[in-house]
Amino acid sequence: MNTADEDRAIGEVVDRLAKAFPSVGVDKVAQVVSDTRPEFADVPIRDFVPLFVERGAKERLRELV
């Protein structure tokens, strides 16, 4: 997965999580996803990073609801 594909996939993560957590708001969801993404900066195989980011962000968003 190249950087552009990963960025697109992360954008889709924000969209999915914003729909799953409408009470949180899109801006906060985007911030949580953005805060979660650096945790996986050193992962050598990038194909699963969006999945890992989504899972991590989802856990954090559950704590906010």
C-alpha atoms as a PDB file:
ATOM      1  CA  MET A   1       0.000   0.000   0.000  1.00  0.00           C
ATOM      2  CA  ASN A   2       1.458   3.353  -0.978  1.00  0.00           C
ATOM      3  CA  THR A   3       0.994   6.581   0.974  1.00  0.00           C
ATOM      4  CA  ALA A   4      -1.875   7.848  -1.181  1.00  0.00           C
ATOM      5  CA  ASP A   5      -3.780   4.578  -0.780  1.00  0.00           C
ATOM      6  CA  GLU A   6      -3.191   4.613   2.963  1.00  0.00           C
ATOM      7  CA  ASP A   7      -4.381   8.228   3.239  1.00  0.00           C
ATOM      8  CA  ARG A   8      -7.525   7.355   1.275  1.00  0.00           C
ATOM      9  CA  ALA A   9      -8.170   4.344   3.487  1.00  0.00           C
ATOM     10  CA  ILE A  10      -7.717   6.461   6.620  1.00  0.00           C
ATOM     11  CA  GLY A  11     -10.259   8.923   5.212  1.00  0.00           C
ATOM     12  CA  GLU A  12     -12.677   6.033   4.820  1.00  0.00           C
ATOM     13  CA  VAL A  13     -11.998   5.065   8.438  1.00  0.00           C
ATOM     14  CA  VAL A  14     -13.005   8.564   9.531  1.00  0.00           C
ATOM     15  CA  ASP A  15     -16.200   8.312   7.485  1.00  0.00           C
ATOM     16  CA  ARG A  16     -17.119   4.919   8.928  1.00  0.00           C
ATOM     17  CA  LEU A  17     -16.416   5.929  12.500  1.00  0.00           C
ATOM     18  CA  ALA A  18     -18.275   9.221  12.124  1.00  0.00           C
ATOM     19  CA  LYS A  19     -21.343   7.219  11.079  1.00  0.00           C
ATOM     20  CA  ALA A  20     -20.858   4.752  13.934  1.00  0.00           C
ATOM     21  CA  PHE A  21     -20.412   7.539  16.514  1.00  0.00           C
ATOM     22  CA  PRO A  22     -22.657  10.392  15.339  1.00  0.00           C
ATOM     23  CA  SER A  23     -22.890  11.924  18.818  1.00  0.00           C
ATOM     24  CA  VAL A  24     -19.134  12.520  18.874  1.00  0.00           C
ATOM     25  CA  GLY A  25     -18.981  14.636  15.717  1.00  0.00           C
ATOM     26  CA  VAL A  26     -16.865  14.319  12.609  1.00  0.00           C
ATOM     27  CA  ASP A  27     -14.156  16.716  13.794  1.00  0.00           C
ATOM     28  CA  LYS A  28     -13.573  14.806  17.019  1.00  0.00           C
ATOM     29  CA  VAL A  29     -13.585  11.471  15.173  1.00  0.00           C
ATOM     30  CA  ALA A  30     -11.008  12.822  12.724  1.00  0.00           C
ATOM     31  CA  GLN A  31      -8.890  14.041  15.644  1.00  0.00           C
ATOM     32  CA  VAL A  32      -9.026  10.660  17.393  1.00  0.00           C
ATOM     33  CA  VAL A  33      -8.053   8.888  14.162  1.00  0.00           C
ATOM     34  CA  SER A  34      -5.230  11.383  13.640  1.00  0.00           C
ATOM     35  CA  ASP A  35      -4.015  10.848  17.204  1.00  0.00           C
ATOM     36  CA  THR A  36      -4.121   7.063  16.784  1.00  0.00           C
ATOM     37  CA  ARG A  37      -2.296   6.843  13.457  1.00  0.00           C
ATOM     38  CA  PRO A  38       1.235   7.665  14.742  1.00  0.00           C
ATOM     39  CA  GLU A  39       1.133   4.573  16.950  1.00  0.00           C
ATOM     40  CA  PHE A  40       1.601   2.565  13.749  1.00  0.00           C
ATOM     41  CA  ALA A  41       4.183   4.786  12.062  1.00  0.00           C
ATOM     42  CA  ASP A  42       6.936   2.184  12.324  1.00  0.00           C
ATOM     43  CA  VAL A  43       4.919  -0.770  11.054  1.00  0.00           C
ATOM     44  CA  PRO A  44       6.858  -2.059   8.030  1.00  0.00           C
ATOM     45  CA  ILE A  45       3.918  -3.663   6.235  1.00  0.00           C
ATOM     46  CA  ARG A  46       1.448  -0.826   5.688  1.00  0.00           C
ATOM     47  CA  ASP A  47      -1.479  -2.832   4.283  1.00  0.00           C
ATOM     48  CA  PHE A  48      -3.127  -3.324   7.654  1.00  0.00           C
ATOM     49  CA  VAL A  49      -2.392   0.078   9.206  1.00  0.00           C
ATOM     50  CA  PRO A  50      -5.854   1.503   8.401  1.00  0.00           C
ATOM     51  CA  LEU A  51      -7.443  -1.507  10.104  1.00  0.00           C
ATOM     52  CA  PHE A  52      -5.250  -1.099  13.183  1.00  0.00           C
ATOM     53  CA  VAL A  53      -5.968   2.635  13.293  1.00  0.00           C
ATOM     54  CA  GLU A  54      -9.693   1.993  13.012  1.00  0.00           C
ATOM     55  CA  ARG A  55      -9.642  -0.503  15.861  1.00  0.00           C
ATOM     56  CA  GLY A  56      -7.607   1.783  18.100  1.00  0.00           C
ATOM     57  CA  ALA A  57      -9.715   4.829  17.328  1.00  0.00           C
ATOM     58  CA  LYS A  58     -12.919   2.870  17.870  1.00  0.00           C
ATOM     59  CA  GLU A  59     -11.766   1.887  21.363  1.00  0.00           C
ATOM     60  CA  ARG A  60     -11.013   5.524  22.194  1.00  0.00           C
ATOM     61  CA  LEU A  61     -14.320   6.720  20.804  1.00  0.00           C
ATOM     62  CA  ARG A  62     -16.228   4.166  22.874  1.00  0.00           C
ATOM     63  CA  GLU A  63     -14.691   5.761  25.955  1.00  0.00           C
ATOM     64  CA  LEU A  64     -16.092   9.145  24.889  1.00  0.00           C
ATOM     65  CA  VAL A  65     -19.673   7.963  24.462  1.00  0.00           C
END
